[in-house]
Amino acid sequence: MTSIDHGVRKSWDRLAARHGDRLRGTPVRAAADKDRIRAVEADIGLAFPAEVRDWWTLDGVSADYWIPGPFAPVDLEEALETREIWLQVAEEEGDVFDANGEPEPRFLPSFLPIAMSPGGDGLVIDLRPGDSYGAVLLWDHETWVLAAPLWDSVAAMLGDIATLRDNAGAPSDR
């Protein structure tokens, strides 16, 4: 996990300027307007960090697999649909305990996907109160394992990707 923070808009603009040729030829994720974001926050009963609001309002974001992993950003509506599916699966599974009697991990209502891999794993924002609030984590949809935070925030994620690509001199295929 890193704490580099360049701001969501600044980091996206840096990525788009440096790697715009690759990003322009791909589908674009739909941006959400601020009223829709406020309505979603009210519906799910969770406040988004300002950076997450900024992420959803960014326009021109490539919906291709440009986030290392590879992950493709999803729009807010797809994120909500995925969240509902994962919550339904967790509810249908019920409480399951491991050999030590500890509850198996479950997708929580305080997680919100922002990007998906071709295999169905997700990058999720942690909206639980505490130190990891706003962090970007990897959710493995098959093992239901929540990895340690990859980035402290969306801005840190974008800043790191921009730096990675600047240092590589070309888009990363990782």
C-alpha atoms as a PDB file:
ATOM      1  CA  MET A   1       0.000   0.000   0.000  1.00  0.00           C
ATOM      2  CA  THR A   2       1.218   3.463  -0.733  1.00  0.00           C
ATOM      3  CA  SER A   3       0.339   6.883   0.528  1.00  0.00           C
ATOM      4  CA  ILE A   4       1.262   8.873  -2.571  1.00  0.00           C
ATOM      5  CA  ASP A   5      -1.583  11.320  -3.128  1.00  0.00           C
ATOM      6  CA  HIS A   6      -1.709  13.571  -6.166  1.00  0.00           C
ATOM      7  CA  GLY A   7      -5.465  14.171  -6.324  1.00  0.00           C
ATOM      8  CA  VAL A   8      -7.899  12.253  -8.498  1.00  0.00           C
ATOM      9  CA  ARG A   9      -8.298  14.813 -11.294  1.00  0.00           C
ATOM     10  CA  LYS A  10      -4.600  15.716 -11.434  1.00  0.00           C
ATOM     11  CA  SER A  11      -3.516  12.071 -11.579  1.00  0.00           C
ATOM     12  CA  TRP A  12      -6.118  11.152 -14.192  1.00  0.00           C
ATOM     13  CA  ASP A  13      -5.138  14.157 -16.323  1.00  0.00           C
ATOM     14  CA  ARG A  14      -1.493  13.081 -16.041  1.00  0.00           C
ATOM     15  CA  LEU A  15      -2.351   9.544 -17.160  1.00  0.00           C
ATOM     16  CA  ALA A  16      -4.547  10.743 -20.007  1.00  0.00           C
ATOM     17  CA  ALA A  17      -1.971  13.249 -21.255  1.00  0.00           C
ATOM     18  CA  ARG A  18       0.904  10.785 -21.220  1.00  0.00           C
ATOM     19  CA  HIS A  19      -0.983   7.713 -22.439  1.00  0.00           C
ATOM     20  CA  GLY A  20      -3.945   9.258 -24.210  1.00  0.00           C
ATOM     21  CA  ASP A  21      -3.325   7.435 -27.497  1.00  0.00           C
ATOM     22  CA  ARG A  22      -3.830   4.059 -25.827  1.00  0.00           C
ATOM     23  CA  LEU A  23      -6.736   5.247 -23.677  1.00  0.00           C
ATOM     24  CA  ARG A  24      -8.605   7.127 -26.427  1.00  0.00           C
ATOM     25  CA  GLY A  25      -9.201   4.052 -28.560  1.00  0.00           C
ATOM     26  CA  THR A  26     -11.151   2.233 -25.857  1.00  0.00           C
ATOM     27  CA  PRO A  27     -14.699   2.376 -24.528  1.00  0.00           C
ATOM     28  CA  VAL A  28     -15.323   5.074 -21.938  1.00  0.00           C
ATOM     29  CA  ARG A  29     -16.823   4.514 -18.508  1.00  0.00           C
ATOM     30  CA  ALA A  30     -19.907   6.661 -17.916  1.00  0.00           C
ATOM     31  CA  ALA A  31     -19.378   9.481 -15.428  1.00  0.00           C
ATOM     32  CA  ALA A  32     -21.966   9.978 -12.687  1.00  0.00           C
ATOM     33  CA  ASP A  33     -23.351  13.361 -11.762  1.00  0.00           C
ATOM     34  CA  LYS A  34     -23.140  14.675  -8.206  1.00  0.00           C
ATOM     35  CA  ASP A  35     -26.894  14.300  -7.594  1.00  0.00           C
ATOM     36  CA  ARG A  36     -26.736  10.601  -8.489  1.00  0.00           C
ATOM     37  CA  ILE A  37     -23.771  10.093  -6.178  1.00  0.00           C
ATOM     38  CA  ARG A  38     -25.603  11.783  -3.289  1.00  0.00           C
ATOM     39  CA  ALA A  39     -28.647   9.597  -3.975  1.00  0.00           C
ATOM     40  CA  VAL A  40     -26.502   6.439  -3.925  1.00  0.00           C
ATOM     41  CA  GLU A  41     -24.894   7.482  -0.652  1.00  0.00           C
ATOM     42  CA  ALA A  42     -28.351   7.996   0.846  1.00  0.00           C
ATOM     43  CA  ASP A  43     -29.662   4.683  -0.562  1.00  0.00           C
ATOM     44  CA  ILE A  44     -26.805   2.574   0.776  1.00  0.00           C
ATOM     45  CA  GLY A  45     -26.380   4.609   3.953  1.00  0.00           C
ATOM     46  CA  LEU A  46     -22.656   5.208   3.482  1.00  0.00           C
ATOM     47  CA  ALA A  47     -20.769   8.430   2.836  1.00  0.00           C
ATOM     48  CA  PHE A  48     -18.102   8.301   0.153  1.00  0.00           C
ATOM     49  CA  PRO A  49     -14.733   9.974   0.666  1.00  0.00           C
ATOM     50  CA  ALA A  50     -14.354  13.083  -1.510  1.00  0.00           C
ATOM     51  CA  GLU A  51     -11.857  11.209  -3.711  1.00  0.00           C
ATOM     52  CA  VAL A  52     -14.430   8.497  -4.453  1.00  0.00           C
ATOM     53  CA  ARG A  53     -16.951  11.159  -5.452  1.00  0.00           C
ATOM     54  CA  ASP A  54     -14.258  12.690  -7.666  1.00  0.00           C
ATOM     55  CA  TRP A  55     -13.575   9.254  -9.219  1.00  0.00           C
ATOM     56  CA  TRP A  56     -17.201   8.716 -10.166  1.00  0.00           C
ATOM     57  CA  THR A  57     -17.540  12.199 -11.713  1.00  0.00           C
ATOM     58  CA  LEU A  58     -14.409  11.910 -13.869  1.00  0.00           C
ATOM     59  CA  ASP A  59     -15.353  11.956 -17.526  1.00  0.00           C
ATOM     60  CA  GLY A  60     -13.415  10.294 -20.324  1.00  0.00           C
ATOM     61  CA  VAL A  61     -12.120   7.434 -18.157  1.00  0.00           C
ATOM     62  CA  SER A  62     -11.157   4.459 -20.280  1.00  0.00           C
ATOM     63  CA  ALA A  63     -13.183   1.334 -19.500  1.00  0.00           C
ATOM     64  CA  ASP A  64     -10.310  -0.831 -20.754  1.00  0.00           C
ATOM     65  CA  TYR A  65      -7.987  -2.926 -18.572  1.00  0.00           C
ATOM     66  CA  TRP A  66      -5.416  -0.218 -17.761  1.00  0.00           C
ATOM     67  CA  ILE A  67      -5.289  -0.651 -13.987  1.00  0.00           C
ATOM     68  CA  PRO A  68      -2.533  -3.164 -13.136  1.00  0.00           C
ATOM     69  CA  GLY A  69      -3.939  -6.571 -12.400  1.00  0.00           C
ATOM     70  CA  PRO A  70      -5.537  -6.090 -15.011  1.00  0.00           C
ATOM     71  CA  PHE A  71      -8.658  -4.216 -13.992  1.00  0.00           C
ATOM     72  CA  ALA A  72     -11.090  -2.082 -15.957  1.00  0.00           C
ATOM     73  CA  PRO A  73     -12.989   0.755 -14.291  1.00  0.00           C
ATOM     74  CA  VAL A  74     -16.735   0.256 -14.054  1.00  0.00           C
ATOM     75  CA  ASP A  75     -19.370   2.956 -13.978  1.00  0.00           C
ATOM     76  CA  LEU A  76     -21.357   3.625 -10.829  1.00  0.00           C
ATOM     77  CA  GLU A  77     -24.393   1.665 -11.999  1.00  0.00           C
ATOM     78  CA  GLU A  78     -22.319  -1.447 -12.779  1.00  0.00           C
ATOM     79  CA  ALA A  79     -20.559  -1.062  -9.429  1.00  0.00           C
ATOM     80  CA  LEU A  80     -23.921  -1.024  -7.644  1.00  0.00           C
ATOM     81  CA  GLU A  81     -25.158  -4.065  -9.603  1.00  0.00           C
ATOM     82  CA  THR A  82     -21.986  -6.014  -8.783  1.00  0.00           C
ATOM     83  CA  ARG A  83     -22.222  -4.986  -5.141  1.00  0.00           C
ATOM     84  CA  GLU A  84     -25.816  -6.232  -4.945  1.00  0.00           C
ATOM     85  CA  ILE A  85     -24.907  -9.565  -6.544  1.00  0.00           C
ATOM     86  CA  TRP A  86     -21.981 -10.095  -4.177  1.00  0.00           C
ATOM     87  CA  LEU A  87     -24.136  -9.139  -1.173  1.00  0.00           C
ATOM     88  CA  GLN A  88     -26.868 -11.549  -2.307  1.00  0.00           C
ATOM     89  CA  VAL A  89     -24.344 -14.378  -2.686  1.00  0.00           C
ATOM     90  CA  ALA A  90     -22.984 -13.649   0.796  1.00  0.00           C
ATOM     91  CA  GLU A  91     -26.502 -13.726   2.234  1.00  0.00           C
ATOM     92  CA  GLU A  92     -27.386 -16.966   0.435  1.00  0.00           C
ATOM     93  CA  GLU A  93     -24.193 -18.618   1.659  1.00  0.00           C
ATOM     94  CA  GLY A  94     -25.126 -17.781   5.247  1.00  0.00           C
ATOM     95  CA  ASP A  95     -22.640 -18.044   8.072  1.00  0.00           C
ATOM     96  CA  VAL A  96     -19.847 -20.472   7.268  1.00  0.00           C
ATOM     97  CA  PHE A  97     -17.057 -21.195   9.719  1.00  0.00           C
ATOM     98  CA  ASP A  98     -13.529 -22.442   9.125  1.00  0.00           C
ATOM     99  CA  ALA A  99     -11.849 -25.338  10.965  1.00  0.00           C
ATOM    100  CA  ASN A 100     -11.025 -23.007  13.874  1.00  0.00           C
ATOM    101  CA  GLY A 101     -14.619 -21.868  14.250  1.00  0.00           C
ATOM    102  CA  GLU A 102     -13.858 -18.462  12.776  1.00  0.00           C
ATOM    103  CA  PRO A 103     -16.391 -16.945  10.360  1.00  0.00           C
ATOM    104  CA  GLU A 104     -15.352 -17.163   6.723  1.00  0.00           C
ATOM    105  CA  PRO A 105     -14.932 -13.775   5.028  1.00  0.00           C
ATOM    106  CA  ARG A 106     -17.946 -12.274   3.296  1.00  0.00           C
ATOM    107  CA  PHE A 107     -18.481  -9.355   0.999  1.00  0.00           C
ATOM    108  CA  LEU A 108     -19.753  -6.539   3.206  1.00  0.00           C
ATOM    109  CA  PRO A 109     -22.267  -3.767   2.500  1.00  0.00           C
ATOM    110  CA  SER A 110     -19.459  -1.283   3.221  1.00  0.00           C
ATOM    111  CA  PHE A 111     -17.486  -2.374   0.130  1.00  0.00           C
ATOM    112  CA  LEU A 112     -18.059  -0.784  -3.273  1.00  0.00           C
ATOM    113  CA  PRO A 113     -16.415  -2.063  -6.482  1.00  0.00           C
ATOM    114  CA  ILE A 114     -14.689   0.468  -8.727  1.00  0.00           C
ATOM    115  CA  ALA A 115     -12.981  -1.856 -11.228  1.00  0.00           C
ATOM    116  CA  MET A 116     -13.293  -5.477 -12.361  1.00  0.00           C
ATOM    117  CA  SER A 117     -10.906  -8.051 -13.780  1.00  0.00           C
ATOM    118  CA  PRO A 118     -11.836 -10.321 -16.701  1.00  0.00           C
ATOM    119  CA  GLY A 119     -12.082 -13.204 -14.190  1.00  0.00           C
ATOM    120  CA  GLY A 120     -14.612 -11.437 -11.963  1.00  0.00           C
ATOM    121  CA  ASP A 121     -12.398 -10.171  -9.154  1.00  0.00           C
ATOM    122  CA  GLY A 122     -12.793  -6.575  -8.106  1.00  0.00           C
ATOM    123  CA  LEU A 123     -11.015  -3.573  -6.784  1.00  0.00           C
ATOM    124  CA  VAL A 124     -13.253  -2.285  -4.018  1.00  0.00           C
ATOM    125  CA  ILE A 125     -13.364   0.840  -1.925  1.00  0.00           C
ATOM    126  CA  ASP A 126     -13.519   0.198   1.805  1.00  0.00           C
ATOM    127  CA  LEU A 127     -16.229   2.399   3.290  1.00  0.00           C
ATOM    128  CA  ARG A 128     -15.959   1.000   6.822  1.00  0.00           C
ATOM    129  CA  PRO A 129     -15.052   3.554   9.485  1.00  0.00           C
ATOM    130  CA  GLY A 130     -11.425   3.350  10.548  1.00  0.00           C
ATOM    131  CA  ASP A 131      -7.930   3.463   9.150  1.00  0.00           C
ATOM    132  CA  SER A 132      -8.825   1.753   5.882  1.00  0.00           C
ATOM    133  CA  TYR A 133     -11.734   4.106   5.043  1.00  0.00           C
ATOM    134  CA  GLY A 134     -11.376   5.021   1.356  1.00  0.00           C
ATOM    135  CA  ALA A 135      -8.659   2.446   0.685  1.00  0.00           C
ATOM    136  CA  VAL A 136      -8.620   0.380  -2.505  1.00  0.00           C
ATOM    137  CA  LEU A 137      -8.587  -3.363  -1.820  1.00  0.00           C
ATOM    138  CA  LEU A 138      -8.605  -6.496  -3.953  1.00  0.00           C
ATOM    139  CA  TRP A 139     -11.698  -8.714  -3.554  1.00  0.00           C
ATOM    140  CA  ASP A 140     -11.262 -12.273  -4.826  1.00  0.00           C
ATOM    141  CA  HIS A 141     -14.768 -13.379  -5.783  1.00  0.00           C
ATOM    142  CA  GLU A 142     -13.944 -17.104  -5.636  1.00  0.00           C
ATOM    143  CA  THR A 143     -12.027 -17.383  -2.383  1.00  0.00           C
ATOM    144  CA  TRP A 144     -13.816 -14.448  -0.760  1.00  0.00           C
ATOM    145  CA  VAL A 145     -10.502 -13.236   0.504  1.00  0.00           C
ATOM    146  CA  LEU A 146     -10.086  -9.529   1.025  1.00  0.00           C
ATOM    147  CA  ALA A 147      -6.461  -8.626   0.454  1.00  0.00           C
ATOM    148  CA  ALA A 148      -4.615  -5.935   2.368  1.00  0.00           C
ATOM    149  CA  PRO A 149      -5.176  -2.453   0.969  1.00  0.00           C
ATOM    150  CA  LEU A 150      -3.351  -1.923  -2.305  1.00  0.00           C
ATOM    151  CA  TRP A 151      -3.639   1.856  -2.070  1.00  0.00           C
ATOM    152  CA  ASP A 152      -4.708   4.270   0.664  1.00  0.00           C
ATOM    153  CA  SER A 153      -7.090   6.007  -1.736  1.00  0.00           C
ATOM    154  CA  VAL A 154      -8.252   6.329  -5.329  1.00  0.00           C
ATOM    155  CA  ALA A 155      -5.942   9.310  -5.781  1.00  0.00           C
ATOM    156  CA  ALA A 156      -2.987   7.241  -4.547  1.00  0.00           C
ATOM    157  CA  MET A 157      -3.942   4.470  -6.993  1.00  0.00           C
ATOM    158  CA  LEU A 158      -4.070   6.858  -9.944  1.00  0.00           C
ATOM    159  CA  GLY A 159      -0.860   8.591  -8.852  1.00  0.00           C
ATOM    160  CA  ASP A 160       0.991   5.294  -8.601  1.00  0.00           C
ATOM    161  CA  ILE A 161      -0.271   4.114 -11.986  1.00  0.00           C
ATOM    162  CA  ALA A 162       0.759   7.412 -13.582  1.00  0.00           C
ATOM    163  CA  THR A 163       4.222   7.138 -12.006  1.00  0.00           C
ATOM    164  CA  LEU A 164       4.540   3.488 -13.022  1.00  0.00           C
ATOM    165  CA  ARG A 165       3.675   4.329 -16.596  1.00  0.00           C
ATOM    166  CA  ASP A 166       5.900   7.418 -16.659  1.00  0.00           C
ATOM    167  CA  ASN A 167       8.812   5.345 -15.397  1.00  0.00           C
ATOM    168  CA  ALA A 168       8.118   2.563 -17.882  1.00  0.00           C
ATOM    169  CA  GLY A 169       7.843   5.014 -20.764  1.00  0.00           C
ATOM    170  CA  ALA A 170       4.897   3.049 -22.123  1.00  0.00           C
ATOM    171  CA  PRO A 171       1.617   1.621 -20.886  1.00  0.00           C
ATOM    172  CA  SER A 172       2.092  -1.225 -18.465  1.00  0.00           C
ATOM    173  CA  ASP A 173       0.768  -4.630 -19.393  1.00  0.00           C
ATOM    174  CA  ARG A 174       0.832  -5.929 -15.834  1.00  0.00           C
END
